[in-house]
Amino acid sequence: MHVFVNRVDQEGRRVVFRCKAGHGYAVARWMGDALPPQGTDAFVELTVPAPVTEWVPASPTAAQDLAIGPAGVVVTGEVLGVGGPGDPVVELRVGTGVVLVEVVCGGAGLEPGRRISFVSPLIEAHPYEL
């Protein structure tokens, strides 16, 4: 996912960023060796390290984006795929990228094309080079 790094917290290894196609800002723990310079673009894979235990349907016109909320990062995305029996992984389109999340609350109601939102107390950003 292509992101713009707005702020960098050296001590906490956290970055405030937004998806290049999005408007909301989110915060993530930077998992690379070196922190990115503030005010630059980066390519990252976003991961949600804890399983999603609750989600809600989002409006079909809701932006596929990230936003800082009172309890963590609000993730809104379009379901691209749902794992089969025994596979709790859901593929979500968020911004211009795909985020894989483990959903332990069951896949009922999770269908490709549907938009959902959930809150994650933590997101991790794993940088990569193109």
N, C-alpha and C. Protein backbone atom coordinates (compact mmCIF):
# COMPACT_ATOMS: atom_id res chain seq x y z
N MET A 1 0.84 -1.16 0.00
CA MET A 1 0.00 0.00 0.00
C MET A 1 0.90 1.24 0.00
N HIS A 2 0.53 2.20 -0.79
CA HIS A 2 1.28 3.45 -0.89
C HIS A 2 0.70 4.42 0.15
N VAL A 3 1.56 4.90 1.08
CA VAL A 3 1.11 5.79 2.14
C VAL A 3 1.98 7.04 2.18
N PHE A 4 1.44 8.08 2.80
CA PHE A 4 2.17 9.31 3.06
C PHE A 4 2.41 9.39 4.56
N VAL A 5 3.66 9.48 4.98
CA VAL A 5 4.03 9.54 6.40
C VAL A 5 3.99 10.99 6.85
N ASN A 6 3.06 11.30 7.72
CA ASN A 6 2.87 12.67 8.17
C ASN A 6 3.74 13.01 9.38
N ARG A 7 3.78 12.11 10.36
CA ARG A 7 4.58 12.33 11.58
C ARG A 7 5.25 11.04 12.00
N VAL A 8 6.38 11.20 12.70
CA VAL A 8 7.14 10.04 13.18
C VAL A 8 7.46 10.25 14.65
N ASP A 9 7.17 9.23 15.45
CA ASP A 9 7.51 9.23 16.87
C ASP A 9 8.71 8.30 17.05
N GLN A 10 9.88 8.88 17.25
CA GLN A 10 11.12 8.11 17.34
C GLN A 10 11.09 7.10 18.49
N GLU A 11 10.64 7.54 19.66
CA GLU A 11 10.67 6.67 20.85
C GLU A 11 9.70 5.51 20.75
N GLY A 12 8.48 5.77 20.31
CA GLY A 12 7.47 4.73 20.24
C GLY A 12 7.46 3.95 18.95
N ARG A 13 8.34 4.35 18.00
CA ARG A 13 8.39 3.72 16.67
C ARG A 13 7.02 3.71 16.02
N ARG A 14 6.30 4.81 16.19
CA ARG A 14 4.98 4.93 15.60
C ARG A 14 5.00 6.00 14.51
N VAL A 15 4.18 5.79 13.50
CA VAL A 15 4.05 6.77 12.43
C VAL A 15 2.57 7.11 12.27
N VAL A 16 2.31 8.37 11.99
CA VAL A 16 0.98 8.81 11.61
C VAL A 16 1.02 8.93 10.10
N PHE A 17 0.07 8.31 9.41
CA PHE A 17 0.10 8.24 7.96
C PHE A 17 -1.31 8.26 7.40
N ARG A 18 -1.39 8.43 6.10
CA ARG A 18 -2.66 8.25 5.40
C ARG A 18 -2.39 7.48 4.12
N CYS A 19 -3.40 6.74 3.68
CA CYS A 19 -3.30 6.07 2.40
C CYS A 19 -3.24 7.14 1.33
N LYS A 20 -2.45 6.92 0.31
CA LYS A 20 -2.32 7.91 -0.76
C LYS A 20 -3.67 8.22 -1.40
N ALA A 21 -4.58 7.25 -1.44
CA ALA A 21 -5.90 7.47 -2.03
C ALA A 21 -6.92 7.88 -0.98
N GLY A 22 -6.52 7.97 0.29
CA GLY A 22 -7.48 8.24 1.36
C GLY A 22 -7.38 9.64 1.92
N HIS A 23 -8.24 9.92 2.86
CA HIS A 23 -8.29 11.24 3.48
C HIS A 23 -8.02 11.19 4.98
N GLY A 24 -8.37 10.08 5.62
CA GLY A 24 -8.18 9.95 7.06
C GLY A 24 -6.76 9.58 7.40
N TYR A 25 -6.36 9.93 8.60
CA TYR A 25 -5.03 9.56 9.10
C TYR A 25 -5.15 8.42 10.08
N ALA A 26 -4.13 7.59 10.15
CA ALA A 26 -4.07 6.47 11.08
C ALA A 26 -2.69 6.45 11.71
N VAL A 27 -2.56 5.64 12.75
CA VAL A 27 -1.28 5.49 13.41
C VAL A 27 -0.92 4.00 13.41
N ALA A 28 0.36 3.71 13.20
CA ALA A 28 0.82 2.33 13.17
C ALA A 28 2.19 2.22 13.80
N ARG A 29 2.49 1.04 14.30
CA ARG A 29 3.84 0.74 14.77
C ARG A 29 4.68 0.40 13.54
N TRP A 30 5.80 1.10 13.38
CA TRP A 30 6.69 0.89 12.24
C TRP A 30 7.54 -0.33 12.50
N MET A 31 7.50 -1.30 11.60
CA MET A 31 8.18 -2.57 11.81
C MET A 31 9.50 -2.68 11.04
N GLY A 32 9.89 -1.65 10.32
CA GLY A 32 11.15 -1.66 9.59
C GLY A 32 12.33 -1.34 10.48
N ASP A 33 13.52 -1.56 9.97
CA ASP A 33 14.74 -1.28 10.73
C ASP A 33 14.90 0.22 11.00
N ALA A 34 14.71 1.04 9.96
CA ALA A 34 14.88 2.48 10.10
C ALA A 34 13.53 3.16 9.92
N LEU A 35 13.27 4.14 10.75
CA LEU A 35 12.03 4.90 10.62
C LEU A 35 12.08 5.76 9.36
N PRO A 36 10.94 5.97 8.72
CA PRO A 36 10.93 6.79 7.50
C PRO A 36 11.04 8.27 7.85
N PRO A 37 11.53 9.08 6.94
CA PRO A 37 11.54 10.52 7.19
C PRO A 37 10.10 11.06 7.19
N GLN A 38 9.87 12.00 8.06
CA GLN A 38 8.57 12.65 8.11
C GLN A 38 8.31 13.40 6.81
N GLY A 39 7.06 13.35 6.32
CA GLY A 39 6.70 14.07 5.10
C GLY A 39 7.09 13.36 3.82
N THR A 40 7.27 12.03 3.88
CA THR A 40 7.65 11.28 2.69
C THR A 40 6.63 10.18 2.40
N ASP A 41 6.72 9.62 1.21
CA ASP A 41 5.90 8.49 0.82
C ASP A 41 6.63 7.20 1.18
N ALA A 42 5.85 6.14 1.39
CA ALA A 42 6.42 4.82 1.66
C ALA A 42 5.46 3.76 1.15
N PHE A 43 5.99 2.59 0.90
CA PHE A 43 5.17 1.44 0.55
C PHE A 43 5.21 0.49 1.74
N VAL A 44 4.03 0.11 2.23
CA VAL A 44 3.94 -0.74 3.41
C VAL A 44 2.89 -1.82 3.22
N GLU A 45 3.09 -2.89 3.93
CA GLU A 45 2.04 -3.88 4.10
C GLU A 45 1.49 -3.65 5.50
N LEU A 46 0.19 -3.43 5.60
CA LEU A 46 -0.42 -3.22 6.91
C LEU A 46 -0.94 -4.54 7.45
N THR A 47 -0.69 -4.76 8.73
CA THR A 47 -1.23 -5.95 9.38
C THR A 47 -1.98 -5.54 10.63
N VAL A 48 -3.00 -6.29 10.93
CA VAL A 48 -3.77 -6.15 12.16
C VAL A 48 -3.35 -7.34 13.01
N PRO A 49 -2.49 -7.13 14.03
CA PRO A 49 -1.89 -8.26 14.73
C PRO A 49 -2.85 -9.08 15.60
N ALA A 50 -3.95 -8.50 16.03
CA ALA A 50 -4.91 -9.23 16.86
C ALA A 50 -6.14 -9.58 16.03
N PRO A 51 -6.74 -10.71 16.30
CA PRO A 51 -7.96 -11.08 15.56
C PRO A 51 -9.06 -10.04 15.78
N VAL A 52 -9.87 -9.84 14.73
CA VAL A 52 -11.02 -8.94 14.82
C VAL A 52 -12.15 -9.72 15.48
N THR A 53 -12.66 -9.19 16.57
CA THR A 53 -13.73 -9.88 17.29
C THR A 53 -15.09 -9.26 17.05
N GLU A 54 -15.12 -8.00 16.57
CA GLU A 54 -16.38 -7.34 16.27
C GLU A 54 -16.21 -6.47 15.03
N TRP A 55 -17.21 -6.47 14.19
CA TRP A 55 -17.24 -5.60 13.03
C TRP A 55 -18.67 -5.18 12.80
N VAL A 56 -18.85 -4.11 12.03
CA VAL A 56 -20.19 -3.64 11.70
C VAL A 56 -20.25 -3.39 10.19
N PRO A 57 -21.45 -3.55 9.62
CA PRO A 57 -21.59 -3.22 8.20
C PRO A 57 -21.36 -1.72 8.00
N ALA A 58 -20.76 -1.37 6.89
CA ALA A 58 -20.55 0.04 6.53
C ALA A 58 -21.41 0.33 5.31
N SER A 59 -21.75 1.57 5.14
CA SER A 59 -22.54 1.99 4.00
C SER A 59 -21.83 1.60 2.70
N PRO A 60 -22.58 1.21 1.68
CA PRO A 60 -21.95 0.88 0.40
C PRO A 60 -21.15 2.04 -0.19
N THR A 61 -21.42 3.26 0.26
CA THR A 61 -20.68 4.41 -0.25
C THR A 61 -19.60 4.87 0.72
N ALA A 62 -19.42 4.16 1.84
CA ALA A 62 -18.40 4.54 2.82
C ALA A 62 -17.02 4.43 2.19
N ALA A 63 -16.17 5.39 2.51
CA ALA A 63 -14.80 5.39 1.97
C ALA A 63 -14.02 4.20 2.52
N GLN A 64 -13.26 3.56 1.66
CA GLN A 64 -12.36 2.48 2.07
C GLN A 64 -11.11 3.17 2.58
N ASP A 65 -11.03 3.35 3.89
CA ASP A 65 -9.99 4.22 4.43
C ASP A 65 -9.69 3.83 5.86
N LEU A 66 -8.74 4.53 6.44
CA LEU A 66 -8.35 4.37 7.84
C LEU A 66 -8.56 5.70 8.53
N ALA A 67 -8.87 5.65 9.83
CA ALA A 67 -9.05 6.88 10.60
C ALA A 67 -8.70 6.61 12.05
N ILE A 68 -8.19 7.63 12.71
CA ILE A 68 -7.89 7.51 14.14
C ILE A 68 -9.19 7.70 14.91
N GLY A 69 -9.51 6.74 15.76
CA GLY A 69 -10.71 6.81 16.59
C GLY A 69 -10.32 6.80 18.05
N PRO A 70 -11.30 6.96 18.95
CA PRO A 70 -11.00 7.01 20.37
C PRO A 70 -10.44 5.70 20.95
N ALA A 71 -10.73 4.56 20.31
CA ALA A 71 -10.27 3.28 20.83
C ALA A 71 -9.21 2.63 19.95
N GLY A 72 -8.71 3.37 18.96
CA GLY A 72 -7.70 2.80 18.07
C GLY A 72 -7.92 3.27 16.65
N VAL A 73 -7.54 2.44 15.70
CA VAL A 73 -7.66 2.78 14.28
C VAL A 73 -8.96 2.17 13.74
N VAL A 74 -9.78 3.00 13.13
CA VAL A 74 -11.01 2.54 12.49
C VAL A 74 -10.67 2.15 11.06
N VAL A 75 -10.90 0.90 10.74
CA VAL A 75 -10.60 0.36 9.41
C VAL A 75 -11.92 0.14 8.69
N THR A 76 -12.07 0.74 7.52
CA THR A 76 -13.26 0.53 6.70
C THR A 76 -12.79 0.03 5.35
N GLY A 77 -13.31 -1.12 4.95
CA GLY A 77 -12.87 -1.69 3.69
C GLY A 77 -13.93 -2.53 3.03
N GLU A 78 -13.64 -2.87 1.79
CA GLU A 78 -14.53 -3.73 1.02
C GLU A 78 -14.03 -5.16 1.09
N VAL A 79 -14.91 -6.09 1.42
CA VAL A 79 -14.55 -7.50 1.49
C VAL A 79 -14.28 -8.00 0.08
N LEU A 80 -13.07 -8.51 -0.13
CA LEU A 80 -12.70 -9.09 -1.42
C LEU A 80 -12.83 -10.60 -1.41
N GLY A 81 -12.54 -11.20 -0.25
CA GLY A 81 -12.61 -12.64 -0.13
C GLY A 81 -12.70 -13.08 1.30
N VAL A 82 -13.32 -14.22 1.51
CA VAL A 82 -13.50 -14.78 2.85
C VAL A 82 -12.98 -16.21 2.81
N GLY A 83 -12.14 -16.56 3.79
CA GLY A 83 -11.62 -17.92 3.86
C GLY A 83 -12.72 -18.94 4.00
N GLY A 84 -12.42 -20.14 3.64
CA GLY A 84 -13.39 -21.23 3.74
C GLY A 84 -13.51 -21.74 5.16
N PRO A 85 -14.17 -22.88 5.33
CA PRO A 85 -14.34 -23.47 6.67
C PRO A 85 -12.99 -23.67 7.35
N GLY A 86 -12.88 -23.19 8.56
CA GLY A 86 -11.64 -23.31 9.32
C GLY A 86 -10.59 -22.28 8.97
N ASP A 87 -10.87 -21.40 8.01
CA ASP A 87 -9.93 -20.35 7.60
C ASP A 87 -10.56 -19.00 7.91
N PRO A 88 -10.13 -18.36 8.99
CA PRO A 88 -10.78 -17.12 9.42
C PRO A 88 -10.24 -15.85 8.74
N VAL A 89 -9.45 -15.99 7.68
CA VAL A 89 -8.83 -14.82 7.06
C VAL A 89 -9.79 -14.17 6.06
N VAL A 90 -9.91 -12.84 6.20
CA VAL A 90 -10.74 -12.04 5.30
C VAL A 90 -9.83 -11.04 4.59
N GLU A 91 -9.99 -10.92 3.28
CA GLU A 91 -9.24 -9.95 2.49
C GLU A 91 -10.09 -8.69 2.34
N LEU A 92 -9.51 -7.55 2.73
CA LEU A 92 -10.21 -6.27 2.64
C LEU A 92 -9.44 -5.31 1.74
N ARG A 93 -10.16 -4.62 0.86
CA ARG A 93 -9.54 -3.53 0.11
C ARG A 93 -9.68 -2.29 0.97
N VAL A 94 -8.54 -1.69 1.29
CA VAL A 94 -8.49 -0.45 2.07
C VAL A 94 -7.61 0.50 1.29
N GLY A 95 -8.15 1.63 0.90
CA GLY A 95 -7.38 2.54 0.07
C GLY A 95 -7.03 1.85 -1.23
N THR A 96 -5.75 1.87 -1.58
CA THR A 96 -5.30 1.22 -2.81
C THR A 96 -4.70 -0.15 -2.55
N GLY A 97 -4.77 -0.62 -1.30
CA GLY A 97 -4.14 -1.88 -0.95
C GLY A 97 -5.11 -2.90 -0.40
N VAL A 98 -4.56 -4.04 -0.04
CA VAL A 98 -5.33 -5.13 0.55
C VAL A 98 -4.76 -5.41 1.93
N VAL A 99 -5.65 -5.55 2.90
CA VAL A 99 -5.27 -5.87 4.26
C VAL A 99 -5.91 -7.21 4.61
N LEU A 100 -5.10 -8.14 5.12
CA LEU A 100 -5.63 -9.43 5.55
C LEU A 100 -5.90 -9.36 7.05
N VAL A 101 -7.10 -9.77 7.45
CA VAL A 101 -7.45 -9.76 8.87
C VAL A 101 -8.02 -11.12 9.25
N GLU A 102 -7.73 -11.51 10.48
CA GLU A 102 -8.31 -12.73 11.03
C GLU A 102 -9.58 -12.33 11.77
N VAL A 103 -10.68 -12.95 11.40
CA VAL A 103 -11.97 -12.63 12.01
C VAL A 103 -12.42 -13.84 12.81
N VAL A 104 -12.48 -13.70 14.13
CA VAL A 104 -12.85 -14.82 14.98
C VAL A 104 -14.32 -14.79 15.38
N CYS A 105 -15.03 -13.76 14.97
CA CYS A 105 -16.45 -13.67 15.33
C CYS A 105 -17.33 -14.37 14.29
N GLY A 106 -16.71 -15.14 13.43
CA GLY A 106 -17.48 -15.85 12.41
C GLY A 106 -17.57 -15.04 11.14
N GLY A 107 -17.78 -15.72 10.05
CA GLY A 107 -17.84 -15.05 8.76
C GLY A 107 -19.25 -14.76 8.29
N ALA A 108 -20.25 -15.01 9.15
CA ALA A 108 -21.63 -14.76 8.75
C ALA A 108 -21.80 -13.29 8.36
N GLY A 109 -22.34 -13.05 7.20
CA GLY A 109 -22.56 -11.68 6.74
C GLY A 109 -21.37 -11.08 6.02
N LEU A 110 -20.25 -11.78 6.01
CA LEU A 110 -19.08 -11.27 5.29
C LEU A 110 -19.09 -11.87 3.90
N GLU A 111 -19.42 -11.03 2.93
CA GLU A 111 -19.51 -11.49 1.55
C GLU A 111 -18.72 -10.54 0.67
N PRO A 112 -18.09 -11.06 -0.38
CA PRO A 112 -17.38 -10.17 -1.30
C PRO A 112 -18.28 -9.04 -1.79
N GLY A 113 -17.71 -7.84 -1.83
CA GLY A 113 -18.44 -6.66 -2.26
C GLY A 113 -19.05 -5.87 -1.12
N ARG A 114 -19.18 -6.47 0.04
CA ARG A 114 -19.76 -5.80 1.19
C ARG A 114 -18.70 -4.97 1.89
N ARG A 115 -19.08 -3.82 2.44
CA ARG A 115 -18.14 -2.98 3.19
C ARG A 115 -18.40 -3.15 4.68
N ILE A 116 -17.28 -3.22 5.41
CA ILE A 116 -17.37 -3.36 6.87
C ILE A 116 -16.41 -2.37 7.53
N SER A 117 -16.66 -2.14 8.81
CA SER A 117 -15.76 -1.32 9.63
C SER A 117 -15.48 -2.05 10.93
N PHE A 118 -14.27 -1.87 11.43
CA PHE A 118 -13.91 -2.39 12.75
C PHE A 118 -12.83 -1.50 13.33
N VAL A 119 -12.62 -1.65 14.64
CA VAL A 119 -11.60 -0.87 15.33
C VAL A 119 -10.50 -1.82 15.78
N SER A 120 -9.26 -1.44 15.51
CA SER A 120 -8.11 -2.20 15.98
C SER A 120 -7.28 -1.29 16.89
N PRO A 121 -6.96 -1.75 18.10
CA PRO A 121 -6.15 -0.91 18.97
C PRO A 121 -4.74 -0.68 18.43
N LEU A 122 -4.30 -1.55 17.52
CA LEU A 122 -2.94 -1.45 16.98
C LEU A 122 -2.92 -1.94 15.54
N ILE A 123 -2.15 -1.24 14.72
CA ILE A 123 -1.87 -1.68 13.35
C ILE A 123 -0.35 -1.63 13.18
N GLU A 124 0.17 -2.56 12.43
CA GLU A 124 1.61 -2.57 12.16
C GLU A 124 1.85 -2.26 10.68
N ALA A 125 2.90 -1.47 10.41
CA ALA A 125 3.30 -1.12 9.05
C ALA A 125 4.64 -1.76 8.75
N HIS A 126 4.66 -2.66 7.78
CA HIS A 126 5.88 -3.35 7.36
C HIS A 126 6.32 -2.76 6.03
N PRO A 127 7.42 -1.98 6.02
CA PRO A 127 7.84 -1.35 4.78
C PRO A 127 8.44 -2.34 3.79
N TYR A 128 8.30 -1.99 2.51
CA TYR A 128 8.95 -2.78 1.45
C TYR A 128 9.33 -1.84 0.31
N GLU A 129 10.21 -2.30 -0.53
CA GLU A 129 10.68 -1.53 -1.69
C GLU A 129 10.04 -2.10 -2.94
N LEU A 130 9.76 -1.23 -3.89
CA LEU A 130 9.25 -1.70 -5.19
C LEU A 130 10.39 -1.92 -6.15
